Structures are given as C-alpha cells and as structure tokens.
C-alpha atoms as a PDB file:
ATOM      1  CA  UNK A   1     -51.125  18.742 -58.013  1.00  0.00           C
ATOM      2  CA  UNK A   2     -48.720  21.363 -59.003  1.00  0.00           C
ATOM      3  CA  UNK A   3     -46.954  23.228 -62.162  1.00  0.00           C
ATOM      4  CA  UNK A   4     -43.068  22.330 -62.285  1.00  0.00           C
ATOM      5  CA  UNK A   5     -40.804  25.085 -63.906  1.00  0.00           C
ATOM      6  CA  UNK A   6     -39.526  23.961 -67.148  1.00  0.00           C
ATOM      7  CA  UNK A   7     -35.678  25.296 -65.737  1.00  0.00           C
ATOM      8  CA  UNK A   8     -34.172  24.342 -62.550  1.00  0.00           C
ATOM      9  CA  UNK A   9     -33.378  27.942 -61.688  1.00  0.00           C
ATOM     10  CA  UNK A  10     -36.615  28.744 -62.313  1.00  0.00           C
ATOM     11  CA  UNK A  11     -39.047  28.698 -59.114  1.00  0.00           C
ATOM     12  CA  UNK A  12     -43.035  29.328 -58.977  1.00  0.00           C
ATOM     13  CA  UNK A  13     -44.711  29.921 -55.843  1.00  0.00           C
ATOM     14  CA  UNK A  14     -48.093  29.809 -55.326  1.00  0.00           C
ATOM     15  CA  UNK A  15     -50.291  31.717 -52.429  1.00  0.00           C
ATOM     16  CA  UNK A  16     -54.159  30.185 -52.435  1.00  0.00           C
ATOM     17  CA  UNK A  17     -55.292  31.596 -56.393  1.00  0.00           C
ATOM     18  CA  UNK A  18     -51.969  34.025 -56.448  1.00  0.00           C
ATOM     19  CA  UNK A  19     -49.377  32.009 -58.482  1.00  0.00           C
ATOM     20  CA  UNK A  20     -45.790  34.544 -58.835  1.00  0.00           C
ATOM     21  CA  UNK A  21     -43.116  32.953 -61.531  1.00  0.00           C
ATOM     22  CA  UNK A  22     -39.634  34.189 -60.682  1.00  0.00           C
ATOM     23  CA  UNK A  23     -36.916  33.682 -63.704  1.00  0.00           C
ATOM     24  CA  UNK A  24     -33.676  34.607 -63.474  1.00  0.00           C
ATOM     25  CA  UNK A  25     -32.163  37.495 -65.739  1.00  0.00           C
ATOM     26  CA  UNK A  26     -29.807  34.435 -67.100  1.00  0.00           C
ATOM     27  CA  UNK A  27     -33.464  32.623 -68.414  1.00  0.00           C
ATOM     28  CA  UNK A  28     -35.698  35.390 -69.913  1.00  0.00           C
ATOM     29  CA  UNK A  29     -35.558  33.994 -72.957  1.00  0.00           C
ATOM     30  CA  UNK A  30     -37.553  31.087 -70.985  1.00  0.00           C
ATOM     31  CA  UNK A  31     -40.187  33.485 -70.074  1.00  0.00           C
ATOM     32  CA  UNK A  32     -42.959  32.747 -72.444  1.00  0.00           C
ATOM     33  CA  UNK A  33     -42.296  28.956 -72.527  1.00  0.00           C
ATOM     34  CA  UNK A  34     -43.000  29.375 -68.580  1.00  0.00           C
ATOM     35  CA  UNK A  35     -46.250  31.085 -69.078  1.00  0.00           C
ATOM     36  CA  UNK A  36     -47.088  29.104 -71.807  1.00  0.00           C
ATOM     37  CA  UNK A  37     -46.448  25.745 -69.428  1.00  0.00           C
ATOM     38  CA  UNK A  38     -48.266  27.417 -66.635  1.00  0.00           C
ATOM     39  CA  UNK A  39     -51.432  27.901 -68.601  1.00  0.00           C
ATOM     40  CA  UNK A  40     -50.975  24.212 -70.138  1.00  0.00           C
ATOM     41  CA  UNK A  41     -51.436  23.000 -66.768  1.00  0.00           C
ATOM     42  CA  UNK A  42     -54.282  24.810 -65.492  1.00  0.00           C
ATOM     43  CA  UNK A  43     -56.058  24.009 -68.922  1.00  0.00           C
ATOM     44  CA  UNK A  44     -55.725  20.716 -67.700  1.00  0.00           C
ATOM     45  CA  UNK A  45     -56.816  20.612 -64.440  1.00  0.00           C
ATOM     46  CA  UNK A  46     -59.752  22.997 -65.076  1.00  0.00           C
ATOM     47  CA  UNK A  47     -58.472  25.966 -64.466  1.00  0.00           C
ATOM     48  CA  UNK A  48     -58.357  29.603 -66.148  1.00  0.00           C
ATOM     49  CA  UNK A  49     -54.419  31.358 -66.481  1.00  0.00           C
ATOM     50  CA  UNK A  50     -55.781  35.025 -67.428  1.00  0.00           C
ATOM     51  CA  UNK A  51     -52.936  37.018 -69.101  1.00  0.00           C
ATOM     52  CA  UNK A  52     -54.557  40.317 -69.125  1.00  0.00           C
ATOM     53  CA  UNK A  53     -54.406  40.331 -64.925  1.00  0.00           C
ATOM     54  CA  UNK A  54     -51.525  39.079 -65.187  1.00  0.00           C
ATOM     55  CA  UNK A  55     -48.499  41.288 -64.826  1.00  0.00           C
ATOM     56  CA  UNK A  56     -45.016  41.363 -65.710  1.00  0.00           C
ATOM     57  CA  UNK A  57     -42.325  43.141 -63.393  1.00  0.00           C
ATOM     58  CA  UNK A  58     -38.546  43.197 -63.980  1.00  0.00           C
ATOM     59  CA  UNK A  59     -36.268  43.704 -61.215  1.00  0.00           C
ATOM     60  CA  UNK A  60     -32.828  46.126 -61.498  1.00  0.00           C
ATOM     61  CA  UNK A  61     -30.414  45.971 -59.021  1.00  0.00           C
ATOM     62  CA  UNK A  62     -29.409  49.825 -59.413  1.00  0.00           C
ATOM     63  CA  UNK A  63     -30.883  53.063 -60.392  1.00  0.00           C
ATOM     64  CA  UNK A  64     -28.479  53.255 -63.131  1.00  0.00           C
ATOM     65  CA  UNK A  65     -29.336  50.065 -64.831  1.00  0.00           C
ATOM     66  CA  UNK A  66     -32.832  50.934 -64.706  1.00  0.00           C
ATOM     67  CA  UNK A  67     -31.749  53.620 -67.275  1.00  0.00           C
ATOM     68  CA  UNK A  68     -28.851  51.746 -69.207  1.00  0.00           C
ATOM     69  CA  UNK A  69     -29.777  48.184 -68.997  1.00  0.00           C
ATOM     70  CA  UNK A  70     -31.930  46.870 -71.702  1.00  0.00           C
ATOM     71  CA  UNK A  71     -34.969  45.340 -70.696  1.00  0.00           C
ATOM     72  CA  UNK A  72     -36.111  41.212 -71.563  1.00  0.00           C
ATOM     73  CA  UNK A  73     -38.382  40.876 -74.874  1.00  0.00           C
ATOM     74  CA  UNK A  74     -42.261  41.234 -73.346  1.00  0.00           C
ATOM     75  CA  UNK A  75     -44.241  38.659 -72.343  1.00  0.00           C
ATOM     76  CA  UNK A  76     -46.833  37.732 -75.095  1.00  0.00           C
ATOM     77  CA  UNK A  77     -50.334  39.745 -73.939  1.00  0.00           C
ATOM     78  CA  UNK A  78     -48.962  40.606 -69.792  1.00  0.00           C
ATOM     79  CA  UNK A  79     -48.662  44.243 -69.144  1.00  0.00           C
ATOM     80  CA  UNK A  80     -45.021  45.053 -67.886  1.00  0.00           C
ATOM     81  CA  UNK A  81     -45.364  47.276 -64.894  1.00  0.00           C
ATOM     82  CA  UNK A  82     -43.125  49.197 -62.192  1.00  0.00           C
ATOM     83  CA  UNK A  83     -44.607  47.759 -59.328  1.00  0.00           C
ATOM     84  CA  UNK A  84     -46.772  45.050 -57.841  1.00  0.00           C
ATOM     85  CA  UNK A  85     -48.518  43.633 -54.642  1.00  0.00           C
ATOM     86  CA  UNK A  86     -47.547  40.647 -53.512  1.00  0.00           C
ATOM     87  CA  UNK A  87     -49.173  39.103 -50.458  1.00  0.00           C
ATOM     88  CA  UNK A  88     -49.499  43.316 -49.177  1.00  0.00           C
ATOM     89  CA  UNK A  89     -46.104  43.864 -49.637  1.00  0.00           C
ATOM     90  CA  UNK A  90     -45.711  46.751 -53.003  1.00  0.00           C
ATOM     91  CA  UNK A  91     -42.704  45.924 -54.513  1.00  0.00           C
ATOM     92  CA  UNK A  92     -40.913  47.715 -57.036  1.00  0.00           C
ATOM     93  CA  UNK A  93     -38.265  47.476 -59.700  1.00  0.00           C
ATOM     94  CA  UNK A  94     -35.829  49.784 -58.653  1.00  0.00           C
ATOM     95  CA  UNK A  95     -34.952  47.450 -55.372  1.00  0.00           C
ATOM     96  CA  UNK A  96     -35.805  50.397 -53.137  1.00  0.00           C
ATOM     97  CA  UNK A  97     -38.440  50.374 -49.847  1.00  0.00           C
ATOM     98  CA  UNK A  98     -39.259  54.349 -50.517  1.00  0.00           C
ATOM     99  CA  UNK A  99     -42.379  54.844 -51.450  1.00  0.00           C
ATOM    100  CA  UNK A 100     -43.500  51.577 -49.579  1.00  0.00           C
ATOM    101  CA  UNK A 101     -42.466  52.946 -46.424  1.00  0.00           C
ATOM    102  CA  UNK A 102     -44.063  56.141 -48.150  1.00  0.00           C
ATOM    103  CA  UNK A 103     -47.901  53.985 -48.037  1.00  0.00           C
ATOM    104  CA  UNK A 104     -47.383  52.142 -45.021  1.00  0.00           C
ATOM    105  CA  UNK A 105     -46.509  55.742 -43.483  1.00  0.00           C
ATOM    106  CA  UNK A 106     -49.545  57.109 -44.862  1.00  0.00           C
ATOM    107  CA  UNK A 107     -52.186  54.413 -43.885  1.00  0.00           C
ATOM    108  CA  UNK A 108     -50.373  54.267 -40.129  1.00  0.00           C
ATOM    109  CA  UNK A 109     -51.263  58.103 -39.617  1.00  0.00           C
ATOM    110  CA  UNK A 110     -54.915  57.204 -40.565  1.00  0.00           C
ATOM    111  CA  UNK A 111     -54.410  54.757 -37.675  1.00  0.00           C
ATOM    112  CA  UNK A 112     -53.305  57.578 -35.405  1.00  0.00           C
ATOM    113  CA  UNK A 113     -56.546  59.171 -35.727  1.00  0.00           C
ATOM    114  CA  UNK A 114     -58.468  56.033 -35.128  1.00  0.00           C
ATOM    115  CA  UNK A 115     -56.237  55.781 -31.752  1.00  0.00           C
ATOM    116  CA  UNK A 116     -57.312  59.535 -30.959  1.00  0.00           C
ATOM    117  CA  UNK A 117     -60.892  58.692 -31.143  1.00  0.00           C
ATOM    118  CA  UNK A 118     -60.996  55.866 -29.008  1.00  0.00           C
ATOM    119  CA  UNK A 119     -58.591  57.684 -26.304  1.00  0.00           C
ATOM    120  CA  UNK A 120     -61.414  60.549 -26.350  1.00  0.00           C
ATOM    121  CA  UNK A 121     -63.858  58.299 -25.870  1.00  0.00           C
ATOM    122  CA  UNK A 122     -62.146  57.360 -22.231  1.00  0.00           C
ATOM    123  CA  UNK A 123     -59.461  54.321 -23.082  1.00  0.00           C
ATOM    124  CA  UNK A 124     -56.114  55.216 -21.300  1.00  0.00           C
ATOM    125  CA  UNK A 125     -53.346  53.153 -20.549  1.00  0.00           C
ATOM    126  CA  UNK A 126     -54.328  50.775 -18.406  1.00  0.00           C
ATOM    127  CA  UNK A 127     -54.685  47.282 -18.016  1.00  0.00           C
ATOM    128  CA  UNK A 128     -56.394  46.980 -22.063  1.00  0.00           C
ATOM    129  CA  UNK A 129     -55.066  50.199 -22.765  1.00  0.00           C
ATOM    130  CA  UNK A 130     -54.406  52.527 -25.967  1.00  0.00           C
ATOM    131  CA  UNK A 131     -50.777  50.547 -25.912  1.00  0.00           C
ATOM    132  CA  UNK A 132     -52.246  47.396 -26.745  1.00  0.00           C
ATOM    133  CA  UNK A 133     -54.143  48.609 -29.617  1.00  0.00           C
ATOM    134  CA  UNK A 134     -51.233  50.432 -30.749  1.00  0.00           C
ATOM    135  CA  UNK A 135     -49.048  47.437 -31.095  1.00  0.00           C
ATOM    136  CA  UNK A 136     -51.614  45.764 -32.493  1.00  0.00           C
ATOM    137  CA  UNK A 137     -52.459  47.868 -35.134  1.00  0.00           C
ATOM    138  CA  UNK A 138     -49.837  50.815 -35.789  1.00  0.00           C
ATOM    139  CA  UNK A 139     -46.768  48.538 -35.292  1.00  0.00           C
ATOM    140  CA  UNK A 140     -48.146  45.336 -36.225  1.00  0.00           C
ATOM    141  CA  UNK A 141     -48.933  47.554 -39.735  1.00  0.00           C
ATOM    142  CA  UNK A 142     -44.784  49.012 -39.589  1.00  0.00           C
ATOM    143  CA  UNK A 143     -43.562  45.543 -39.437  1.00  0.00           C
ATOM    144  CA  UNK A 144     -45.696  43.348 -41.361  1.00  0.00           C
ATOM    145  CA  UNK A 145     -43.154  41.460 -43.353  1.00  0.00           C
ATOM    146  CA  UNK A 146     -40.713  43.561 -42.500  1.00  0.00           C
ATOM    147  CA  UNK A 147     -37.697  41.174 -42.811  1.00  0.00           C
ATOM    148  CA  UNK A 148     -38.313  41.465 -46.468  1.00  0.00           C
ATOM    149  CA  UNK A 149     -38.543  44.861 -46.598  1.00  0.00           C
ATOM    150  CA  UNK A 150     -37.003  46.323 -44.033  1.00  0.00           C
ATOM    151  CA  UNK A 151     -33.200  46.042 -45.835  1.00  0.00           C
ATOM    152  CA  UNK A 152     -33.948  47.693 -48.947  1.00  0.00           C
ATOM    153  CA  UNK A 153     -34.564  50.853 -46.303  1.00  0.00           C
ATOM    154  CA  UNK A 154     -32.358  54.029 -47.262  1.00  0.00           C
ATOM    155  CA  UNK A 155     -30.906  56.140 -44.557  1.00  0.00           C
ATOM    156  CA  UNK A 156     -34.016  58.797 -45.232  1.00  0.00           C
ATOM    157  CA  UNK A 157     -36.118  56.204 -44.400  1.00  0.00           C
ATOM    158  CA  UNK A 158     -35.578  54.862 -41.488  1.00  0.00           C
ATOM    159  CA  UNK A 159     -35.625  58.254 -40.317  1.00  0.00           C
ATOM    160  CA  UNK A 160     -38.746  58.556 -41.414  1.00  0.00           C
ATOM    161  CA  UNK A 161     -40.508  55.785 -39.642  1.00  0.00           C
ATOM    162  CA  UNK A 162     -37.854  56.856 -36.738  1.00  0.00           C
ATOM    163  CA  UNK A 163     -39.829  60.505 -36.799  1.00  0.00           C
ATOM    164  CA  UNK A 164     -42.993  58.644 -36.803  1.00  0.00           C
ATOM    165  CA  UNK A 165     -42.627  56.523 -33.551  1.00  0.00           C
ATOM    166  CA  UNK A 166     -41.388  59.666 -32.180  1.00  0.00           C
ATOM    167  CA  UNK A 167     -44.242  61.439 -32.931  1.00  0.00           C
ATOM    168  CA  UNK A 168     -46.656  58.352 -31.355  1.00  0.00           C
ATOM    169  CA  UNK A 169     -44.755  58.694 -28.201  1.00  0.00           C
ATOM    170  CA  UNK A 170     -45.158  62.331 -27.624  1.00  0.00           C
ATOM    171  CA  UNK A 171     -49.058  61.870 -28.465  1.00  0.00           C
ATOM    172  CA  UNK A 172     -49.067  58.925 -26.097  1.00  0.00           C
ATOM    173  CA  UNK A 173     -50.235  56.942 -28.164  1.00  0.00           C
ATOM    174  CA  UNK A 174     -47.146  54.257 -26.802  1.00  0.00           C
ATOM    175  CA  UNK A 175     -44.847  54.363 -24.275  1.00  0.00           C
ATOM    176  CA  UNK A 176     -41.532  56.284 -23.766  1.00  0.00           C
ATOM    177  CA  UNK A 177     -39.540  53.316 -23.621  1.00  0.00           C
ATOM    178  CA  UNK A 178     -41.112  52.012 -26.933  1.00  0.00           C
ATOM    179  CA  UNK A 179     -38.185  50.486 -29.386  1.00  0.00           C
ATOM    180  CA  UNK A 180     -37.010  52.441 -32.085  1.00  0.00           C
ATOM    181  CA  UNK A 181     -37.489  51.474 -35.553  1.00  0.00           C
ATOM    182  CA  UNK A 182     -34.237  49.633 -35.951  1.00  0.00           C
ATOM    183  CA  UNK A 183     -34.805  47.791 -32.792  1.00  0.00           C
ATOM    184  CA  UNK A 184     -37.758  47.103 -34.356  1.00  0.00           C
ATOM    185  CA  UNK A 185     -36.964  45.487 -37.634  1.00  0.00           C
ATOM    186  CA  UNK A 186     -33.913  43.561 -35.623  1.00  0.00           C
ATOM    187  CA  UNK A 187     -36.552  41.551 -33.215  1.00  0.00           C
ATOM    188  CA  UNK A 188     -38.728  40.955 -36.418  1.00  0.00           C
ATOM    189  CA  UNK A 189     -35.767  39.387 -37.909  1.00  0.00           C
ATOM    190  CA  UNK A 190     -34.737  37.382 -35.062  1.00  0.00           C
ATOM    191  CA  UNK A 191     -38.325  35.949 -34.109  1.00  0.00           C
ATOM    192  CA  UNK A 192     -38.518  34.787 -38.025  1.00  0.00           C
ATOM    193  CA  UNK A 193     -35.253  33.125 -37.915  1.00  0.00           C
ATOM    194  CA  UNK A 194     -35.625  31.490 -34.838  1.00  0.00           C
ATOM    195  CA  UNK A 195     -39.187  29.945 -35.896  1.00  0.00           C
ATOM    196  CA  UNK A 196     -37.120  28.975 -39.483  1.00  0.00           C
ATOM    197  CA  UNK A 197     -33.952  27.568 -37.588  1.00  0.00           C
ATOM    198  CA  UNK A 198     -36.907  25.459 -35.396  1.00  0.00           C
ATOM    199  CA  UNK A 199     -39.332  24.404 -37.312  1.00  0.00           C
ATOM    200  CA  UNK A 200     -38.332  21.661 -39.459  1.00  0.00           C
ATOM    201  CA  UNK A 201     -41.385  21.836 -41.533  1.00  0.00           C
ATOM    202  CA  UNK A 202     -40.959  25.751 -42.368  1.00  0.00           C
ATOM    203  CA  UNK A 203     -41.220  26.589 -46.040  1.00  0.00           C
ATOM    204  CA  UNK A 204     -37.770  28.921 -45.807  1.00  0.00           C
ATOM    205  CA  UNK A 205     -36.453  25.992 -43.975  1.00  0.00           C
ATOM    206  CA  UNK A 206     -34.696  24.382 -46.566  1.00  0.00           C
ATOM    207  CA  UNK A 207     -32.703  28.204 -47.367  1.00  0.00           C
ATOM    208  CA  UNK A 208     -30.524  27.334 -44.428  1.00  0.00           C
ATOM    209  CA  UNK A 209     -27.221  25.670 -44.949  1.00  0.00           C
ATOM    210  CA  UNK A 210     -26.154  22.489 -43.136  1.00  0.00           C
ATOM    211  CA  UNK A 211     -25.145  22.654 -39.713  1.00  0.00           C
ATOM    212  CA  UNK A 212     -21.762  22.726 -38.491  1.00  0.00           C
ATOM    213  CA  UNK A 213     -20.573  19.081 -37.173  1.00  0.00           C
ATOM    214  CA  UNK A 214     -18.371  20.009 -34.283  1.00  0.00           C
ATOM    215  CA  UNK A 215     -17.014  17.115 -31.405  1.00  0.00           C
ATOM    216  CA  UNK A 216     -15.467  20.111 -29.301  1.00  0.00           C
ATOM    217  CA  UNK A 217     -17.030  22.801 -27.353  1.00  0.00           C
ATOM    218  CA  UNK A 218     -16.806  26.078 -28.045  1.00  0.00           C
ATOM    219  CA  UNK A 219     -18.191  29.061 -26.858  1.00  0.00           C
ATOM    220  CA  UNK A 220     -22.531  29.541 -26.929  1.00  0.00           C
ATOM    221  CA  UNK A 221     -23.400  30.268 -30.815  1.00  0.00           C
ATOM    222  CA  UNK A 222     -26.253  31.957 -32.167  1.00  0.00           C
ATOM    223  CA  UNK A 223     -26.642  28.926 -34.226  1.00  0.00           C
ATOM    224  CA  UNK A 224     -24.166  26.020 -35.551  1.00  0.00           C
ATOM    225  CA  UNK A 225     -25.392  26.611 -39.452  1.00  0.00           C
ATOM    226  CA  UNK A 226     -22.394  26.890 -41.675  1.00  0.00           C
ATOM    227  CA  UNK A 227     -22.214  30.568 -43.367  1.00  0.00           C
ATOM    228  CA  UNK A 228     -22.487  31.660 -46.515  1.00  0.00           C
ATOM    229  CA  UNK A 229     -20.088  33.578 -48.509  1.00  0.00           C
ATOM    230  CA  UNK A 230     -20.927  36.619 -50.031  1.00  0.00           C
ATOM    231  CA  UNK A 231     -21.909  36.456 -53.807  1.00  0.00           C
ATOM    232  CA  UNK A 232     -23.309  38.326 -56.636  1.00  0.00           C
ATOM    233  CA  UNK A 233     -27.162  37.061 -55.641  1.00  0.00           C
ATOM    234  CA  UNK A 234     -26.015  36.872 -52.159  1.00  0.00           C
ATOM    235  CA  UNK A 235     -25.479  40.513 -49.978  1.00  0.00           C
ATOM    236  CA  UNK A 236     -25.990  42.063 -46.804  1.00  0.00           C
ATOM    237  CA  UNK A 237     -29.787  42.699 -47.506  1.00  0.00           C
ATOM    238  CA  UNK A 238     -30.537  38.678 -48.304  1.00  0.00           C
ATOM    239  CA  UNK A 239     -32.131  37.590 -44.790  1.00  0.00           C
ATOM    240  CA  UNK A 240     -30.520  34.101 -44.095  1.00  0.00           C
ATOM    241  CA  UNK A 241     -26.999  35.557 -44.961  1.00  0.00           C
ATOM    242  CA  UNK A 242     -27.394  38.202 -42.847  1.00  0.00           C
ATOM    243  CA  UNK A 243     -29.138  36.603 -39.832  1.00  0.00           C
ATOM    244  CA  UNK A 244     -26.247  34.102 -40.189  1.00  0.00           C
ATOM    245  CA  UNK A 245     -23.931  36.683 -39.947  1.00  0.00           C
ATOM    246  CA  UNK A 246     -25.500  38.110 -37.047  1.00  0.00           C
ATOM    247  CA  UNK A 247     -24.205  38.528 -33.737  1.00  0.00           C
ATOM    248  CA  UNK A 248     -21.038  36.770 -34.866  1.00  0.00           C
END
C-alpha cells in the first residue's frame, strides 16, 4: 500500500523506512494537508509518523532569493533546517554543493591514511593493488550519487576536487593516467543514462521523453529521444536535460 499525494504536482518518494515529500512552491499552502494525509495513512497501516524526527527543507534557486524571498509557513510540529541527508548525500537549501564537497574531501582524506597504512604493510601496484583499493574506496566515495550533485559544483569546487586527485597521483595512490574529476563526472552521468534508457523497469524511466520515430536514416545518434526545451524548471543542471543534449 502507498500513500498518494493530495495534489498531482506533489511527489512522495519512499526508501525503506524513509519518506520524502516534495512540494513545489506553487503548492506550499498544501504542506500541512499533505503531512496530515501521510499521518492518517500511516495510522491506518499501524505505522507512526514521528513529527519530532521529521525535517523540512526549503530550496532557494539563488543566494539572493534566500535573503529576500518570503519563506512559506512552518509545518506544524516539524523543524525547518538548512540541510538534510538523503541516502548518504547531504543537500542544502542554497542549491550549492560546496559544503557537501568539503565533507566528501574530508572523508576521502581519512581514507588516504588507510591507503598509506596498506602501502606500509607491503601492498603495491600489482594485480590486486593499491590502485584497486583506491578505486573501490576513495574514487567510489567521490563519485557516490555524483549525477545528482555534480552540476551544483562551482568552479572552485571542481578545482578543489581536481587538486585532491592530483595529490593522490603524487602520493602514488592512483595511476598517473587516472581521469580528472570532470571526466569522472561525465562517465558517471553516461553510465546512469545508459542504464535508464535501456532498462524499462528503471525508476527514472518515466522521466525520459518519448522516442522520436523517423522513417529515414540519419547519422548515428546517442539516443532517439525527443529533446526537452529549457525552461524555468528544467535547465543545464537537470540530469535528463543535460544528457539528452549531450554530444549532439
């Protein structure tokens, strides 16, 4: 059983025992009604919505709007925060990845200490090497959910991530030909888009537009989906939009 939102523009996303309610700014007045609806559904299914553990996060598109915009009314009994962690990724209300990048780099720096210990105990660049451990730990940490947050990185964030990878190369934790951070982000985007477009049961499949049916042969394209036009809600940060227009 699932609890459907009262308004069609609102969305509910469920992960195990976590539930995320997404309400656009135009429907902010329905927040309390949606929360009450979820609480009623939970009660009818022998579950409990703990409002003291629930958090509300209001997103702003620009820092100027953060200072000037009138925020919506508080949801009853729910704390409003500036950031929250969803599936291991910390999201912030300022549409910026700067603080998340800082946390990721701090965590990866701690992993480098573990790599140094492994090398001290004899692990080298062999069949099962320090490079493999680097890819499985540090690189995986850097790229975790990167399609969701990489486009919110500023040039300064990209420079910090790039400098960290260069340091890893100097210390010998990864090979000299290891891709730079922009290439890693691009490859991660391509892999996710390929999985979405080829798997009919993928959770993000409904986000793709219809396929373009053509009876004549053109040059090979990366995909045959109809392109989405840029608007106030969809821009270059939108994963589907940027993948549809990539390499065209």
